[in-house]
Amino acid sequence: MTKADLADKLYEKIGLPKKEAAVIVETLFESMKSILSEGESIKITGFGTFLVRKKSARRGRNPKTGTELEIEQRKVVTFKPSLQFKDVVEKV
């Protein structure tokens, strides 16, 4: 599913004009990116939580060549679904 598909869903369900629906979807994702880039988490009740975690530096290996290398410390975004969301997905 793409951003355009999400905007179409808003158009179908709520009846918003397609341009307004596209702006809402784009604004939502821009806001989420901004919040996560600041290191804050986003909790959406009934859906789940987006968290920013720090992964420490570690030793790794290039699977193609077998050469060992140092993987630098970095931040990653993780998603933890809520119990309600898990239930809906499992029933499908």
N, C-alpha and C. Protein backbone atom coordinates (compact mmCIF):
# COMPACT_ATOMS: atom_id res chain seq x y z
N MET A 1 0.85 -1.18 0.00
CA MET A 1 0.00 0.00 0.00
C MET A 1 0.89 1.24 0.00
N THR A 2 0.52 2.23 -0.77
CA THR A 2 1.29 3.46 -0.89
C THR A 2 0.56 4.61 -0.21
N LYS A 3 1.23 5.77 -0.15
CA LYS A 3 0.59 6.96 0.41
C LYS A 3 -0.66 7.32 -0.40
N ALA A 4 -0.58 7.17 -1.72
CA ALA A 4 -1.74 7.47 -2.57
C ALA A 4 -2.90 6.54 -2.25
N ASP A 5 -2.60 5.27 -1.98
CA ASP A 5 -3.65 4.32 -1.61
C ASP A 5 -4.30 4.72 -0.28
N LEU A 6 -3.49 5.18 0.66
CA LEU A 6 -4.04 5.64 1.95
C LEU A 6 -4.94 6.86 1.74
N ALA A 7 -4.51 7.78 0.88
CA ALA A 7 -5.33 8.95 0.59
C ALA A 7 -6.64 8.54 -0.07
N ASP A 8 -6.59 7.55 -0.94
CA ASP A 8 -7.82 7.04 -1.57
C ASP A 8 -8.76 6.43 -0.54
N LYS A 9 -8.20 5.72 0.44
CA LYS A 9 -9.03 5.15 1.51
C LYS A 9 -9.74 6.26 2.30
N LEU A 10 -9.01 7.36 2.59
CA LEU A 10 -9.63 8.49 3.29
C LEU A 10 -10.76 9.08 2.44
N TYR A 11 -10.51 9.18 1.16
CA TYR A 11 -11.52 9.70 0.23
C TYR A 11 -12.77 8.82 0.26
N GLU A 12 -12.57 7.50 0.22
CA GLU A 12 -13.70 6.57 0.20
C GLU A 12 -14.47 6.54 1.52
N LYS A 13 -13.73 6.50 2.64
CA LYS A 13 -14.38 6.34 3.95
C LYS A 13 -15.00 7.63 4.48
N ILE A 14 -14.28 8.76 4.30
CA ILE A 14 -14.72 10.02 4.91
C ILE A 14 -15.34 10.96 3.89
N GLY A 15 -14.92 10.82 2.64
CA GLY A 15 -15.45 11.70 1.61
C GLY A 15 -14.66 12.98 1.44
N LEU A 16 -13.44 13.01 1.99
CA LEU A 16 -12.59 14.19 1.79
C LEU A 16 -12.16 14.27 0.33
N PRO A 17 -11.95 15.49 -0.17
CA PRO A 17 -11.39 15.61 -1.52
C PRO A 17 -10.02 14.92 -1.57
N LYS A 18 -9.69 14.33 -2.71
CA LYS A 18 -8.45 13.56 -2.83
C LYS A 18 -7.22 14.39 -2.52
N LYS A 19 -7.20 15.65 -2.92
CA LYS A 19 -6.03 16.50 -2.64
C LYS A 19 -5.87 16.73 -1.15
N GLU A 20 -6.98 16.99 -0.46
CA GLU A 20 -6.92 17.18 0.99
C GLU A 20 -6.49 15.91 1.70
N ALA A 21 -7.00 14.78 1.25
CA ALA A 21 -6.63 13.50 1.85
C ALA A 21 -5.13 13.25 1.66
N ALA A 22 -4.60 13.57 0.49
CA ALA A 22 -3.17 13.38 0.23
C ALA A 22 -2.34 14.29 1.13
N VAL A 23 -2.80 15.51 1.35
CA VAL A 23 -2.08 16.45 2.23
C VAL A 23 -2.09 15.93 3.67
N ILE A 24 -3.21 15.40 4.11
CA ILE A 24 -3.31 14.86 5.47
C ILE A 24 -2.35 13.69 5.66
N VAL A 25 -2.32 12.77 4.70
CA VAL A 25 -1.43 11.62 4.79
C VAL A 25 0.03 12.08 4.81
N GLU A 26 0.38 12.99 3.92
CA GLU A 26 1.76 13.50 3.85
C GLU A 26 2.14 14.21 5.14
N THR A 27 1.24 15.02 5.69
CA THR A 27 1.50 15.74 6.94
C THR A 27 1.69 14.77 8.10
N LEU A 28 0.88 13.73 8.14
CA LEU A 28 1.01 12.72 9.20
C LEU A 28 2.39 12.08 9.17
N PHE A 29 2.82 11.64 7.98
CA PHE A 29 4.12 10.98 7.89
C PHE A 29 5.28 11.94 8.16
N GLU A 30 5.18 13.17 7.71
CA GLU A 30 6.23 14.16 7.99
C GLU A 30 6.32 14.42 9.49
N SER A 31 5.17 14.50 10.17
CA SER A 31 5.16 14.71 11.62
C SER A 31 5.79 13.52 12.34
N MET A 32 5.46 12.31 11.89
CA MET A 32 6.03 11.11 12.51
C MET A 32 7.55 11.07 12.32
N LYS A 33 8.02 11.39 11.12
CA LYS A 33 9.47 11.41 10.87
C LYS A 33 10.16 12.42 11.76
N SER A 34 9.57 13.59 11.90
CA SER A 34 10.15 14.65 12.72
C SER A 34 10.24 14.22 14.19
N ILE A 35 9.17 13.65 14.71
CA ILE A 35 9.14 13.22 16.11
C ILE A 35 10.16 12.10 16.35
N LEU A 36 10.21 11.12 15.46
CA LEU A 36 11.14 10.00 15.63
C LEU A 36 12.59 10.45 15.47
N SER A 37 12.84 11.43 14.60
CA SER A 37 14.22 11.91 14.41
C SER A 37 14.73 12.64 15.66
N GLU A 38 13.81 13.14 16.48
CA GLU A 38 14.19 13.79 17.74
C GLU A 38 14.39 12.77 18.86
N GLY A 39 14.17 11.48 18.57
CA GLY A 39 14.39 10.44 19.56
C GLY A 39 13.18 10.12 20.41
N GLU A 40 12.04 10.74 20.11
CA GLU A 40 10.83 10.47 20.89
C GLU A 40 10.09 9.28 20.31
N SER A 41 9.27 8.64 21.13
CA SER A 41 8.46 7.52 20.66
C SER A 41 7.05 8.02 20.31
N ILE A 42 6.35 7.23 19.50
CA ILE A 42 4.98 7.56 19.12
C ILE A 42 4.10 6.39 19.53
N LYS A 43 3.12 6.65 20.38
CA LYS A 43 2.20 5.61 20.82
C LYS A 43 0.81 5.91 20.27
N ILE A 44 0.29 4.98 19.48
CA ILE A 44 -1.04 5.13 18.90
C ILE A 44 -1.91 4.04 19.53
N THR A 45 -2.81 4.45 20.41
CA THR A 45 -3.64 3.50 21.15
C THR A 45 -4.43 2.62 20.19
N GLY A 46 -4.42 1.33 20.43
CA GLY A 46 -5.13 0.38 19.60
C GLY A 46 -4.37 -0.03 18.34
N PHE A 47 -3.21 0.58 18.11
CA PHE A 47 -2.41 0.26 16.92
C PHE A 47 -1.03 -0.24 17.31
N GLY A 48 -0.26 0.60 18.01
CA GLY A 48 1.06 0.18 18.44
C GLY A 48 1.95 1.36 18.79
N THR A 49 3.23 1.05 19.01
CA THR A 49 4.21 2.06 19.42
C THR A 49 5.42 2.00 18.50
N PHE A 50 5.84 3.18 18.03
CA PHE A 50 7.07 3.32 17.27
C PHE A 50 8.13 3.82 18.23
N LEU A 51 9.24 3.11 18.33
CA LEU A 51 10.32 3.46 19.26
C LEU A 51 11.62 3.68 18.51
N VAL A 52 12.45 4.59 19.03
CA VAL A 52 13.80 4.77 18.50
C VAL A 52 14.74 4.11 19.49
N ARG A 53 15.52 3.13 19.00
CA ARG A 53 16.47 2.41 19.86
C ARG A 53 17.88 2.66 19.36
N LYS A 54 18.81 2.61 20.30
CA LYS A 54 20.23 2.71 19.94
C LYS A 54 20.81 1.31 19.90
N LYS A 55 21.46 0.98 18.79
CA LYS A 55 22.16 -0.29 18.69
C LYS A 55 23.64 0.00 18.88
N SER A 56 24.27 -0.74 19.78
CA SER A 56 25.69 -0.50 20.04
C SER A 56 26.56 -1.04 18.91
N ALA A 57 27.78 -0.56 18.90
CA ALA A 57 28.75 -1.03 17.91
C ALA A 57 29.01 -2.52 18.15
N ARG A 58 29.29 -3.23 17.07
CA ARG A 58 29.55 -4.67 17.21
C ARG A 58 30.41 -5.16 16.07
N ARG A 59 30.94 -6.34 16.25
CA ARG A 59 31.73 -6.98 15.20
C ARG A 59 30.78 -7.65 14.22
N GLY A 60 31.07 -7.54 12.94
CA GLY A 60 30.24 -8.17 11.93
C GLY A 60 31.11 -8.84 10.89
N ARG A 61 30.46 -9.45 9.92
CA ARG A 61 31.20 -10.15 8.88
C ARG A 61 30.49 -9.92 7.55
N ASN A 62 31.26 -9.62 6.52
CA ASN A 62 30.72 -9.49 5.18
C ASN A 62 30.39 -10.91 4.69
N PRO A 63 29.12 -11.22 4.44
CA PRO A 63 28.77 -12.58 4.07
C PRO A 63 29.34 -13.02 2.71
N LYS A 64 29.64 -12.06 1.87
CA LYS A 64 30.16 -12.39 0.54
C LYS A 64 31.63 -12.77 0.59
N THR A 65 32.41 -11.97 1.35
CA THR A 65 33.86 -12.19 1.38
C THR A 65 34.35 -12.86 2.66
N GLY A 66 33.55 -12.82 3.72
CA GLY A 66 33.96 -13.39 4.99
C GLY A 66 34.84 -12.46 5.81
N THR A 67 35.12 -11.26 5.30
CA THR A 67 35.96 -10.29 6.00
C THR A 67 35.23 -9.75 7.23
N GLU A 68 35.94 -9.73 8.36
CA GLU A 68 35.35 -9.16 9.57
C GLU A 68 35.47 -7.65 9.53
N LEU A 69 34.46 -6.97 10.11
CA LEU A 69 34.48 -5.51 10.16
C LEU A 69 33.73 -5.04 11.38
N GLU A 70 33.91 -3.78 11.70
CA GLU A 70 33.26 -3.17 12.85
C GLU A 70 32.00 -2.44 12.36
N ILE A 71 30.84 -2.81 12.90
CA ILE A 71 29.59 -2.13 12.57
C ILE A 71 29.40 -1.03 13.60
N GLU A 72 29.26 0.20 13.12
CA GLU A 72 29.19 1.36 14.01
C GLU A 72 27.85 1.42 14.76
N GLN A 73 27.88 2.18 15.86
CA GLN A 73 26.67 2.41 16.65
C GLN A 73 25.68 3.17 15.77
N ARG A 74 24.38 2.87 15.92
CA ARG A 74 23.38 3.56 15.12
C ARG A 74 22.05 3.54 15.83
N LYS A 75 21.11 4.33 15.30
CA LYS A 75 19.75 4.36 15.82
C LYS A 75 18.85 3.65 14.82
N VAL A 76 17.87 2.91 15.34
CA VAL A 76 16.90 2.22 14.49
C VAL A 76 15.49 2.48 15.02
N VAL A 77 14.53 2.45 14.13
CA VAL A 77 13.13 2.60 14.51
C VAL A 77 12.52 1.20 14.56
N THR A 78 11.85 0.91 15.66
CA THR A 78 11.16 -0.37 15.81
C THR A 78 9.67 -0.10 16.01
N PHE A 79 8.87 -1.11 15.71
CA PHE A 79 7.42 -1.02 15.90
C PHE A 79 6.97 -2.18 16.76
N LYS A 80 6.22 -1.86 17.81
CA LYS A 80 5.65 -2.89 18.68
C LYS A 80 4.13 -2.78 18.58
N PRO A 81 3.49 -3.77 17.94
CA PRO A 81 2.03 -3.69 17.77
C PRO A 81 1.30 -3.87 19.10
N SER A 82 0.13 -3.25 19.20
CA SER A 82 -0.69 -3.41 20.40
C SER A 82 -1.37 -4.78 20.36
N LEU A 83 -1.91 -5.18 21.48
CA LEU A 83 -2.59 -6.47 21.55
C LEU A 83 -3.81 -6.51 20.62
N GLN A 84 -4.56 -5.38 20.55
CA GLN A 84 -5.72 -5.32 19.66
C GLN A 84 -5.30 -5.49 18.21
N PHE A 85 -4.20 -4.87 17.82
CA PHE A 85 -3.70 -4.97 16.45
C PHE A 85 -3.26 -6.40 16.15
N LYS A 86 -2.58 -7.02 17.10
CA LYS A 86 -2.16 -8.41 16.92
C LYS A 86 -3.36 -9.33 16.73
N ASP A 87 -4.41 -9.11 17.53
CA ASP A 87 -5.61 -9.94 17.42
C ASP A 87 -6.24 -9.82 16.03
N VAL A 88 -6.32 -8.60 15.52
CA VAL A 88 -6.92 -8.38 14.20
C VAL A 88 -6.11 -9.08 13.12
N VAL A 89 -4.78 -8.98 13.19
CA VAL A 89 -3.91 -9.60 12.19
C VAL A 89 -4.00 -11.12 12.25
N GLU A 90 -4.06 -11.68 13.44
CA GLU A 90 -4.13 -13.13 13.58
C GLU A 90 -5.42 -13.71 13.06
N LYS A 91 -6.52 -12.96 13.11
CA LYS A 91 -7.81 -13.46 12.65
C LYS A 91 -7.92 -13.47 11.13
N VAL A 92 -7.07 -12.72 10.46
CA VAL A 92 -7.14 -12.63 8.99
C VAL A 92 -6.52 -13.82 8.34
